[in-house]
Amino acid sequence: MTDWLFPPRPTPSLPLVGDTRRFPVRRILCVGQNYAEHAREMGADPTKQTPFFFSKPGDAVVADGANPAYPSATGNLHYEAELVACIGEGGAVVGWAVGCDLTRRDLQAEAKKAGRPWDAAKGFDQSAPCGAVTLGDLPDPAGAIALTVNGETRQSGTLDDMILNPARIVEEAGRLWALRPGDLIFTGTPSGVGPLARGDRVVVTITGLETLSFEVA
């Protein structure tokens, strides 16, 4: 029997649609600037750059309709609607979910200017709200993706606007990491990212998947 210095934290997990089991979360990998219009709004040229990866810790997940807290050390919290690939045995995708990559945009801008990592801008506590996992194939590879704030549409696009499609993203991630069961891959966001305030209600939808909704606490 292991004698812990302190009790280990429970494994973060996501619910499964139509299933009493849970999807245990190991870590979160994210693709940056994978929609051309979003790359342009961030000041990049999508024709001259390959989408890249960054990460969040697994316990950044916010599940089961919980409300993430507005984070410390920022005055410019942004939303980013994303399709999430859920990895199972053998590094294969076993399901899909709707996610929101919360970003401390001011800290990201400072890091970019100084040529520093984005960890504090992207990998903070409660920075990855995620909906329930739908097992199986992606219902509609060209489906709509949208995000509203307080009922107003802020992001609207289709999954086939991606520069790298989900299969290619998983392939590229597998070249950089040994993908394991429980890994989540956020696949990028359409244009229209913008700020959130405390009390804002966010709803993210993707055709055929369980809707994600939360309020900024």
Protein backbone atom coordinates (compact mmCIF):
# COMPACT_ATOMS: atom_id res chain seq x y z
CA MET A 1 0.00 0.00 0.00
CA THR A 2 1.41 3.40 -1.01
CA ASP A 3 1.90 5.87 1.80
CA TRP A 4 1.24 9.28 0.17
CA LEU A 5 2.70 12.51 1.50
CA PHE A 6 -0.73 13.94 0.70
CA PRO A 7 -3.74 12.40 -1.11
CA PRO A 8 -3.42 12.50 -4.93
CA ARG A 9 -6.02 14.58 -6.72
CA PRO A 10 -8.81 12.74 -8.53
CA THR A 11 -8.28 12.20 -12.26
CA PRO A 12 -10.10 14.89 -14.29
CA SER A 13 -12.72 13.40 -16.59
CA LEU A 14 -15.50 14.16 -19.06
CA PRO A 15 -18.95 12.59 -19.30
CA LEU A 16 -19.89 10.42 -22.28
CA VAL A 17 -23.10 11.07 -24.22
CA GLY A 18 -25.58 8.25 -23.58
CA ASP A 19 -23.14 6.32 -21.39
CA THR A 20 -22.60 6.13 -17.62
CA ARG A 21 -18.83 5.73 -18.01
CA ARG A 22 -16.38 8.65 -17.96
CA PHE A 23 -13.51 9.70 -20.24
CA PRO A 24 -10.41 10.17 -18.03
CA VAL A 25 -8.33 13.15 -19.13
CA ARG A 26 -4.53 12.75 -19.27
CA ARG A 27 -3.35 15.98 -20.92
CA ILE A 28 -4.46 18.61 -23.41
CA LEU A 29 -2.69 19.45 -26.67
CA CYS A 30 -3.87 22.43 -28.73
CA VAL A 31 -3.30 23.55 -32.31
CA GLY A 32 -2.66 27.25 -32.88
CA GLN A 33 -3.96 29.31 -35.82
CA ASN A 34 -5.51 26.39 -37.70
CA TYR A 35 -8.20 28.51 -39.40
CA ALA A 36 -6.91 30.96 -42.00
CA GLU A 37 -9.11 33.89 -40.97
CA HIS A 38 -8.19 33.47 -37.31
CA ALA A 39 -4.50 33.41 -38.24
CA ARG A 40 -5.00 36.70 -40.09
CA GLU A 41 -6.84 38.33 -37.18
CA MET A 42 -3.89 37.36 -34.96
CA GLY A 43 -1.50 39.11 -37.36
CA ALA A 44 -0.11 35.99 -39.08
CA ASP A 45 -0.05 34.94 -42.73
CA PRO A 46 -1.60 31.44 -42.98
CA THR A 47 0.10 30.84 -46.34
CA LYS A 48 3.56 31.21 -44.78
CA GLN A 49 3.20 29.26 -41.56
CA THR A 50 2.41 25.70 -40.49
CA PRO A 51 -0.05 25.41 -37.58
CA PHE A 52 1.75 24.65 -34.33
CA PHE A 53 1.00 23.06 -30.96
CA PHE A 54 0.89 24.26 -27.37
CA SER A 55 -0.47 22.52 -24.28
CA LYS A 56 -2.61 22.81 -21.19
CA PRO A 57 -2.51 20.57 -18.11
CA GLY A 58 -5.22 17.93 -17.88
CA ASP A 59 -6.66 19.49 -14.74
CA ALA A 60 -7.41 22.69 -16.68
CA VAL A 61 -10.57 20.90 -17.87
CA VAL A 62 -13.89 22.33 -16.70
CA ALA A 63 -16.56 19.63 -17.09
CA ASP A 64 -20.18 18.80 -16.34
CA GLY A 65 -21.49 22.31 -16.90
CA ALA A 66 -19.30 23.88 -14.20
CA ASN A 67 -18.48 27.57 -14.52
CA PRO A 68 -14.81 28.60 -14.84
CA ALA A 69 -13.61 31.47 -12.70
CA TYR A 70 -12.30 34.63 -14.32
CA PRO A 71 -8.53 34.11 -13.96
CA SER A 72 -6.07 36.24 -12.05
CA ALA A 73 -3.37 38.39 -13.67
CA THR A 74 -5.35 39.40 -16.76
CA GLY A 75 -7.65 42.13 -17.93
CA ASN A 76 -8.30 40.56 -21.34
CA LEU A 77 -9.71 37.04 -21.14
CA HIS A 78 -10.67 35.67 -24.58
CA TYR A 79 -12.89 32.79 -25.78
CA GLU A 80 -11.94 30.39 -28.60
CA ALA A 81 -14.50 27.81 -29.79
CA GLU A 82 -12.89 24.48 -30.70
CA LEU A 83 -13.55 20.93 -31.85
CA VAL A 84 -11.85 18.49 -29.47
CA ALA A 85 -10.52 15.08 -30.54
CA CYS A 86 -10.52 12.51 -27.72
CA ILE A 87 -7.77 9.89 -27.87
CA GLY A 88 -8.17 6.24 -26.83
CA GLU A 89 -6.08 3.08 -27.08
CA GLY A 90 -3.36 3.01 -29.71
CA GLY A 91 -3.43 6.78 -30.18
CA ALA A 92 -6.68 6.60 -32.17
CA VAL A 93 -9.54 9.06 -31.90
CA VAL A 94 -12.45 7.42 -30.05
CA GLY A 95 -14.74 10.43 -29.79
CA TRP A 96 -15.32 14.15 -30.13
CA ALA A 97 -16.38 17.03 -27.92
CA VAL A 98 -16.98 20.78 -27.97
CA GLY A 99 -14.36 22.85 -26.18
CA CYS A 100 -13.44 26.44 -25.43
CA ASP A 101 -9.80 27.48 -25.20
CA LEU A 102 -9.76 30.35 -22.71
CA THR A 103 -6.79 32.65 -23.20
CA ARG A 104 -5.20 35.48 -21.24
CA ARG A 105 -4.73 37.50 -24.43
CA ASP A 106 -2.74 40.30 -22.80
CA LEU A 107 -0.22 37.83 -21.38
CA GLN A 108 -0.02 36.06 -24.74
CA ALA A 109 0.73 39.36 -26.51
CA GLU A 110 3.47 40.14 -23.99
CA ALA A 111 4.97 36.65 -24.45
CA LYS A 112 4.90 36.95 -28.23
CA LYS A 113 6.61 40.34 -28.14
CA ALA A 114 9.36 39.00 -25.87
CA GLY A 115 9.72 35.69 -27.73
CA ARG A 116 8.70 33.75 -24.62
CA PRO A 117 6.47 30.67 -24.09
CA TRP A 118 2.70 31.00 -23.83
CA ASP A 119 2.24 28.80 -20.74
CA ALA A 120 0.82 31.50 -18.47
CA ALA A 121 -1.45 32.74 -21.27
CA LYS A 122 -2.90 29.35 -22.17
CA GLY A 123 -2.29 26.74 -19.45
CA PHE A 124 -3.86 28.39 -16.41
CA ASP A 125 -6.41 26.86 -14.04
CA GLN A 126 -9.88 26.21 -15.51
CA SER A 127 -8.77 27.31 -18.98
CA ALA A 128 -10.35 24.40 -20.88
CA PRO A 129 -14.15 24.13 -20.53
CA CYS A 130 -15.26 21.01 -22.41
CA GLY A 131 -18.57 19.33 -23.12
CA ALA A 132 -19.57 15.68 -23.09
CA VAL A 133 -17.77 13.24 -25.40
CA THR A 134 -19.65 11.71 -28.33
CA LEU A 135 -18.05 8.34 -29.11
CA GLY A 136 -17.42 7.25 -32.69
CA ASP A 137 -16.78 9.12 -35.89
CA LEU A 138 -17.21 12.88 -36.17
CA PRO A 139 -20.92 13.31 -37.05
CA ASP A 140 -20.30 15.93 -39.76
CA PRO A 141 -16.69 16.72 -40.83
CA ALA A 142 -17.98 19.87 -42.54
CA GLY A 143 -20.34 20.80 -39.71
CA ALA A 144 -20.94 24.28 -38.35
CA ILE A 145 -19.03 25.62 -35.37
CA ALA A 146 -20.32 28.69 -33.52
CA LEU A 147 -19.97 30.58 -30.26
CA THR A 148 -22.33 33.07 -28.66
CA VAL A 149 -21.82 35.42 -25.71
CA ASN A 150 -25.02 36.44 -23.92
CA GLY A 151 -26.99 35.29 -26.98
CA GLU A 152 -24.94 37.29 -29.51
CA THR A 153 -23.04 35.32 -32.16
CA ARG A 154 -19.31 36.04 -31.96
CA GLN A 155 -17.82 33.12 -33.92
CA SER A 156 -19.33 31.24 -36.86
CA GLY A 157 -17.65 28.91 -39.34
CA THR A 158 -17.42 25.33 -40.54
CA LEU A 159 -15.00 22.56 -39.62
CA ASP A 160 -13.81 22.26 -43.20
CA ASP A 161 -12.36 25.78 -42.88
CA MET A 162 -9.46 24.18 -40.97
CA ILE A 163 -6.00 24.37 -42.54
CA LEU A 164 -5.15 20.92 -41.16
CA ASN A 165 -8.15 18.59 -40.89
CA PRO A 166 -8.62 16.58 -37.66
CA ALA A 167 -7.00 13.41 -39.04
CA ARG A 168 -3.91 15.36 -40.07
CA ILE A 169 -3.77 17.13 -36.71
CA VAL A 170 -3.75 13.80 -34.87
CA GLU A 171 -1.08 12.50 -37.24
CA GLU A 172 1.12 15.56 -36.65
CA ALA A 173 0.62 15.38 -32.88
CA GLY A 174 1.62 11.71 -32.99
CA ARG A 175 4.93 12.70 -34.57
CA LEU A 176 5.71 14.97 -31.63
CA TRP A 177 4.27 12.97 -28.73
CA ALA A 178 3.35 9.36 -27.99
CA LEU A 179 -0.43 9.83 -27.88
CA ARG A 180 -2.02 7.94 -24.98
CA PRO A 181 -5.58 7.19 -23.86
CA GLY A 182 -7.06 10.25 -22.22
CA ASP A 183 -5.28 12.84 -24.35
CA LEU A 184 -7.44 15.67 -25.69
CA ILE A 185 -6.51 17.62 -28.82
CA PHE A 186 -8.09 21.04 -29.32
CA THR A 187 -8.08 21.58 -33.09
CA GLY A 188 -8.10 25.38 -33.46
CA THR A 189 -10.66 28.16 -33.58
CA PRO A 190 -12.42 30.21 -36.28
CA SER A 191 -12.07 33.98 -36.51
CA GLY A 192 -14.03 36.28 -34.22
CA VAL A 193 -12.22 35.70 -30.91
CA GLY A 194 -12.79 38.39 -28.34
CA PRO A 195 -13.02 39.35 -24.66
CA LEU A 196 -15.16 37.97 -21.86
CA ALA A 197 -16.31 39.65 -18.67
CA ARG A 198 -17.46 38.19 -15.38
CA GLY A 199 -21.04 36.99 -15.67
CA ASP A 200 -20.95 36.43 -19.44
CA ARG A 201 -22.85 33.35 -20.65
CA VAL A 202 -20.96 31.41 -23.34
CA VAL A 203 -22.55 28.77 -25.58
CA VAL A 204 -20.48 26.77 -28.08
CA THR A 205 -22.09 24.50 -30.67
CA ILE A 206 -20.78 22.07 -33.28
CA THR A 207 -23.10 20.11 -35.57
CA GLY A 208 -23.93 16.70 -34.11
CA LEU A 209 -22.12 17.16 -30.79
CA GLU A 210 -23.28 17.97 -27.27
CA THR A 211 -23.50 21.74 -26.70
CA LEU A 212 -21.06 23.36 -24.28
CA SER A 213 -22.37 26.21 -22.13
CA PHE A 214 -20.93 28.00 -19.13
CA GLU A 215 -20.87 31.31 -17.32
CA VAL A 216 -17.70 33.17 -16.42
CA ALA A 217 -17.79 33.11 -12.62
